[in-house]
Amino acid sequence: MSTHTMPNRDEILKQKFAQSIGLPFQEILSASQIEKAIKELSIKYKKRLFSPAVTIWAFLSQLLDFDKSCQNAVSRIITWLSGENVELPSTDTSAYCQARKRLPEKLLQRLFEECGENLESKVTSLNLWCGRHVKLIDCSTVSMPDTPENQQAYPIGS
């Protein structure tokens, strides 16, 4: 009896992004998509090296990378910029960390929903498991300080 094991696609994807150079998410979530969402949500930001697009791409790469450090994320940005004929930033992580803090939650939520809808629109019968849509539940948790501001933004039971 032969056993056929399916490759773990999540692990393959994580390895692909971990081994890629620069910011691989720019192919999945384009700068124009991010700029459109920023405009529609009336988000104002200053022109900086760590634009919302660059910051989002680096942050997504950071989340999937084995080395989740901000230093590694900044190294990815520097690698990506090295082919762009621009002055390379410092390896100091403070500007990147500040740029991450400036990303509005409503922007990230909007982009997440758009990406999900875009991926869903590309599903064909060939992508179904035994002809069925598979529903997944993410049981991850988020921890944050129990400050009055967080209590107001995220009340218990919301």
C-alpha atoms as a PDB file:
ATOM      1  CA  MET A   1       0.000   0.000   0.000  1.00  0.00           C
ATOM      2  CA  SER A   2       1.538   3.287  -1.022  1.00  0.00           C
ATOM      3  CA  THR A   3       1.003   6.425   0.930  1.00  0.00           C
ATOM      4  CA  HIS A   4       0.768   9.673  -0.921  1.00  0.00           C
ATOM      5  CA  THR A   5       1.567  12.733   1.111  1.00  0.00           C
ATOM      6  CA  MET A   6       0.618  16.185  -0.031  1.00  0.00           C
ATOM      7  CA  PRO A   7       3.321  18.821   0.329  1.00  0.00           C
ATOM      8  CA  ASN A   8       2.564  21.424   2.957  1.00  0.00           C
ATOM      9  CA  ARG A   9       1.842  24.458   0.774  1.00  0.00           C
ATOM     10  CA  ASP A  10       2.187  26.880   3.665  1.00  0.00           C
ATOM     11  CA  GLU A  11       5.708  25.678   4.347  1.00  0.00           C
ATOM     12  CA  ILE A  12       6.612  25.791   0.648  1.00  0.00           C
ATOM     13  CA  LEU A  13       5.306  29.362   0.421  1.00  0.00           C
ATOM     14  CA  LYS A  14       7.147  30.409   3.563  1.00  0.00           C
ATOM     15  CA  GLN A  15      10.375  28.896   2.214  1.00  0.00           C
ATOM     16  CA  LYS A  16       9.897  30.639  -1.120  1.00  0.00           C
ATOM     17  CA  PHE A  17       9.494  34.030   0.525  1.00  0.00           C
ATOM     18  CA  ALA A  18      12.253  33.360   3.046  1.00  0.00           C
ATOM     19  CA  GLN A  19      14.701  32.478   0.261  1.00  0.00           C
ATOM     20  CA  SER A  20      13.669  35.303  -2.054  1.00  0.00           C
ATOM     21  CA  ILE A  21      15.654  38.463  -2.294  1.00  0.00           C
ATOM     22  CA  GLY A  22      14.084  41.799  -1.500  1.00  0.00           C
ATOM     23  CA  LEU A  23      10.347  42.279  -1.096  1.00  0.00           C
ATOM     24  CA  PRO A  24       8.406  39.455  -2.786  1.00  0.00           C
ATOM     25  CA  PHE A  25       4.963  40.744  -1.807  1.00  0.00           C
ATOM     26  CA  GLN A  26       5.128  43.561  -4.330  1.00  0.00           C
ATOM     27  CA  GLU A  27       4.062  40.965  -6.905  1.00  0.00           C
ATOM     28  CA  ILE A  28       0.953  40.014  -4.896  1.00  0.00           C
ATOM     29  CA  LEU A  29      -0.043  43.381  -3.462  1.00  0.00           C
ATOM     30  CA  SER A  30       0.929  46.118  -5.885  1.00  0.00           C
ATOM     31  CA  ALA A  31       1.875  49.666  -4.978  1.00  0.00           C
ATOM     32  CA  SER A  32      -1.074  50.887  -7.043  1.00  0.00           C
ATOM     33  CA  GLN A  33      -3.486  48.750  -4.955  1.00  0.00           C
ATOM     34  CA  ILE A  34      -2.028  50.165  -1.759  1.00  0.00           C
ATOM     35  CA  GLU A  35      -2.115  53.746  -3.084  1.00  0.00           C
ATOM     36  CA  LYS A  36      -5.729  53.318  -4.211  1.00  0.00           C
ATOM     37  CA  ALA A  37      -6.773  52.108  -0.755  1.00  0.00           C
ATOM     38  CA  ILE A  38      -4.885  54.988   0.888  1.00  0.00           C
ATOM     39  CA  LYS A  39      -6.676  57.492  -1.338  1.00  0.00           C
ATOM     40  CA  GLU A  40     -10.133  55.934  -0.806  1.00  0.00           C
ATOM     41  CA  LEU A  41      -9.615  55.872   2.968  1.00  0.00           C
ATOM     42  CA  SER A  42      -8.356  59.499   2.911  1.00  0.00           C
ATOM     43  CA  ILE A  43      -5.123  58.576   4.676  1.00  0.00           C
ATOM     44  CA  LYS A  44      -2.463  61.272   4.650  1.00  0.00           C
ATOM     45  CA  TYR A  45       1.232  60.497   4.851  1.00  0.00           C
ATOM     46  CA  LYS A  46       4.503  62.217   4.034  1.00  0.00           C
ATOM     47  CA  LYS A  47       6.723  61.052   1.186  1.00  0.00           C
ATOM     48  CA  ARG A  48       9.399  59.013   2.913  1.00  0.00           C
ATOM     49  CA  LEU A  49      11.710  56.162   2.101  1.00  0.00           C
ATOM     50  CA  PHE A  50       9.505  53.854   4.157  1.00  0.00           C
ATOM     51  CA  SER A  51       6.339  54.509   2.196  1.00  0.00           C
ATOM     52  CA  PRO A  52       3.216  52.557   3.154  1.00  0.00           C
ATOM     53  CA  ALA A  53       3.842  50.125   0.279  1.00  0.00           C
ATOM     54  CA  VAL A  54       7.470  49.400   1.181  1.00  0.00           C
ATOM     55  CA  THR A  55       6.580  49.137   4.860  1.00  0.00           C
ATOM     56  CA  ILE A  56       3.692  46.715   4.192  1.00  0.00           C
ATOM     57  CA  TRP A  57       5.797  44.533   1.888  1.00  0.00           C
ATOM     58  CA  ALA A  58       8.623  44.395   4.426  1.00  0.00           C
ATOM     59  CA  PHE A  59       6.214  43.717   7.292  1.00  0.00           C
ATOM     60  CA  LEU A  60       4.532  40.834   5.456  1.00  0.00           C
ATOM     61  CA  SER A  61       7.929  39.357   4.612  1.00  0.00           C
ATOM     62  CA  GLN A  62       8.992  39.810   8.230  1.00  0.00           C
ATOM     63  CA  LEU A  63       5.947  37.907   9.490  1.00  0.00           C
ATOM     64  CA  LEU A  64       6.674  34.887   7.282  1.00  0.00           C
ATOM     65  CA  ASP A  65      10.441  34.882   7.650  1.00  0.00           C
ATOM     66  CA  PHE A  66      12.258  32.517  10.010  1.00  0.00           C
ATOM     67  CA  ASP A  67      14.189  35.545  11.307  1.00  0.00           C
ATOM     68  CA  LYS A  68      11.349  37.875  12.310  1.00  0.00           C
ATOM     69  CA  SER A  69      13.661  40.672  13.444  1.00  0.00           C
ATOM     70  CA  CYS A  70      13.277  44.254  12.299  1.00  0.00           C
ATOM     71  CA  GLN A  71      16.952  44.130  11.345  1.00  0.00           C
ATOM     72  CA  ASN A  72      16.234  41.378   8.845  1.00  0.00           C
ATOM     73  CA  ALA A  73      13.266  43.341   7.447  1.00  0.00           C
ATOM     74  CA  VAL A  74      15.471  46.410   6.954  1.00  0.00           C
ATOM     75  CA  SER A  75      18.070  44.209   5.262  1.00  0.00           C
ATOM     76  CA  ARG A  76      15.369  43.058   2.812  1.00  0.00           C
ATOM     77  CA  ILE A  77      14.518  46.681   2.067  1.00  0.00           C
ATOM     78  CA  ILE A  78      18.172  47.540   1.485  1.00  0.00           C
ATOM     79  CA  THR A  79      18.542  44.510  -0.804  1.00  0.00           C
ATOM     80  CA  TRP A  80      15.457  45.547  -2.773  1.00  0.00           C
ATOM     81  CA  LEU A  81      16.662  49.148  -3.065  1.00  0.00           C
ATOM     82  CA  SER A  82      20.184  48.164  -4.119  1.00  0.00           C
ATOM     83  CA  GLY A  83      18.922  47.570  -7.656  1.00  0.00           C
ATOM     84  CA  GLU A  84      16.917  50.797  -7.782  1.00  0.00           C
ATOM     85  CA  ASN A  85      19.787  53.301  -8.182  1.00  0.00           C
ATOM     86  CA  VAL A  86      18.885  55.253  -5.017  1.00  0.00           C
ATOM     87  CA  GLU A  87      20.770  56.149  -1.864  1.00  0.00           C
ATOM     88  CA  LEU A  88      20.593  53.193   0.499  1.00  0.00           C
ATOM     89  CA  PRO A  89      19.183  53.770   3.979  1.00  0.00           C
ATOM     90  CA  SER A  90      20.965  53.172   7.241  1.00  0.00           C
ATOM     91  CA  THR A  91      20.786  49.696   8.726  1.00  0.00           C
ATOM     92  CA  ASP A  92      19.250  51.272  11.849  1.00  0.00           C
ATOM     93  CA  THR A  93      15.741  49.880  12.373  1.00  0.00           C
ATOM     94  CA  SER A  94      14.102  52.865  14.090  1.00  0.00           C
ATOM     95  CA  ALA A  95      12.703  54.489  10.915  1.00  0.00           C
ATOM     96  CA  TYR A  96      11.200  51.174   9.770  1.00  0.00           C
ATOM     97  CA  CYS A  97       9.672  50.506  13.197  1.00  0.00           C
ATOM     98  CA  GLN A  98       8.169  54.008  13.245  1.00  0.00           C
ATOM     99  CA  ALA A  99       6.776  53.472   9.739  1.00  0.00           C
ATOM    100  CA  ARG A 100       5.112  50.237  10.897  1.00  0.00           C
ATOM    101  CA  LYS A 101       3.501  52.097  13.798  1.00  0.00           C
ATOM    102  CA  ARG A 102       2.121  54.679  11.358  1.00  0.00           C
ATOM    103  CA  LEU A 103       0.243  52.046   9.297  1.00  0.00           C
ATOM    104  CA  PRO A 104      -3.441  52.558  10.074  1.00  0.00           C
ATOM    105  CA  GLU A 105      -5.365  49.449  11.072  1.00  0.00           C
ATOM    106  CA  LYS A 106      -8.154  50.368   8.647  1.00  0.00           C
ATOM    107  CA  LEU A 107      -5.649  50.274   5.756  1.00  0.00           C
ATOM    108  CA  LEU A 108      -4.357  46.830   6.702  1.00  0.00           C
ATOM    109  CA  GLN A 109      -7.905  45.526   7.130  1.00  0.00           C
ATOM    110  CA  ARG A 110      -8.942  46.924   3.742  1.00  0.00           C
ATOM    111  CA  LEU A 111      -5.933  45.400   1.954  1.00  0.00           C
ATOM    112  CA  PHE A 112      -6.485  42.045   3.679  1.00  0.00           C
ATOM    113  CA  GLU A 113     -10.108  41.974   2.516  1.00  0.00           C
ATOM    114  CA  GLU A 114      -9.179  42.987  -1.050  1.00  0.00           C
ATOM    115  CA  CYS A 115      -6.483  40.306  -1.258  1.00  0.00           C
ATOM    116  CA  GLY A 116      -8.934  37.685  -0.003  1.00  0.00           C
ATOM    117  CA  GLU A 117     -11.568  38.732  -2.539  1.00  0.00           C
ATOM    118  CA  ASN A 118      -8.977  38.788  -5.325  1.00  0.00           C
ATOM    119  CA  LEU A 119      -7.767  35.295  -4.456  1.00  0.00           C
ATOM    120  CA  GLU A 120     -11.348  33.983  -4.153  1.00  0.00           C
ATOM    121  CA  SER A 121     -12.190  35.328  -7.607  1.00  0.00           C
ATOM    122  CA  LYS A 122      -9.387  33.197  -9.085  1.00  0.00           C
ATOM    123  CA  VAL A 123     -10.608  29.913  -7.588  1.00  0.00           C
ATOM    124  CA  THR A 124     -11.734  27.386 -10.185  1.00  0.00           C
ATOM    125  CA  SER A 125     -13.143  23.892  -9.780  1.00  0.00           C
ATOM    126  CA  LEU A 126      -9.581  22.607 -10.152  1.00  0.00           C
ATOM    127  CA  ASN A 127      -8.645  24.406  -6.926  1.00  0.00           C
ATOM    128  CA  LEU A 128     -11.372  22.781  -4.861  1.00  0.00           C
ATOM    129  CA  TRP A 129     -10.703  19.883  -2.509  1.00  0.00           C
ATOM    130  CA  CYS A 130     -12.910  16.950  -3.528  1.00  0.00           C
ATOM    131  CA  GLY A 131     -15.122  19.476  -5.305  1.00  0.00           C
ATOM    132  CA  ARG A 132     -15.682  21.480  -2.128  1.00  0.00           C
ATOM    133  CA  HIS A 133     -14.686  24.854  -0.755  1.00  0.00           C
ATOM    134  CA  VAL A 134     -12.593  24.407   2.374  1.00  0.00           C
ATOM    135  CA  LYS A 135     -13.222  26.845   5.210  1.00  0.00           C
ATOM    136  CA  LEU A 136     -10.430  27.505   7.684  1.00  0.00           C
ATOM    137  CA  ILE A 137     -10.559  29.091  11.097  1.00  0.00           C
ATOM    138  CA  ASP A 138      -7.491  30.892  12.352  1.00  0.00           C
ATOM    139  CA  CYS A 139      -7.216  30.345  16.082  1.00  0.00           C
ATOM    140  CA  SER A 140      -4.305  32.717  16.566  1.00  0.00           C
ATOM    141  CA  THR A 141      -4.329  35.325  19.299  1.00  0.00           C
ATOM    142  CA  VAL A 142      -3.073  38.841  19.670  1.00  0.00           C
ATOM    143  CA  SER A 143      -1.746  40.308  22.886  1.00  0.00           C
ATOM    144  CA  MET A 144      -1.448  43.999  23.617  1.00  0.00           C
ATOM    145  CA  PRO A 145      -1.128  46.242  26.665  1.00  0.00           C
ATOM    146  CA  ASP A 146      -4.337  46.703  28.664  1.00  0.00           C
ATOM    147  CA  THR A 147      -4.313  50.485  28.324  1.00  0.00           C
ATOM    148  CA  PRO A 148      -7.429  52.687  28.490  1.00  0.00           C
ATOM    149  CA  GLU A 149      -6.959  53.506  24.787  1.00  0.00           C
ATOM    150  CA  ASN A 150      -6.873  49.813  23.836  1.00  0.00           C
ATOM    151  CA  GLN A 151      -9.867  49.064  26.065  1.00  0.00           C
ATOM    152  CA  GLN A 152     -11.831  51.764  24.247  1.00  0.00           C
ATOM    153  CA  ALA A 153     -10.738  50.627  20.770  1.00  0.00           C
ATOM    154  CA  TYR A 154     -11.183  46.912  21.517  1.00  0.00           C
ATOM    155  CA  PRO A 155     -13.894  46.474  24.176  1.00  0.00           C
ATOM    156  CA  ILE A 156     -14.390  43.057  25.717  1.00  0.00           C
ATOM    157  CA  GLY A 157     -16.798  41.005  23.675  1.00  0.00           C
ATOM    158  CA  SER A 158     -16.199  42.854  20.402  1.00  0.00           C
END
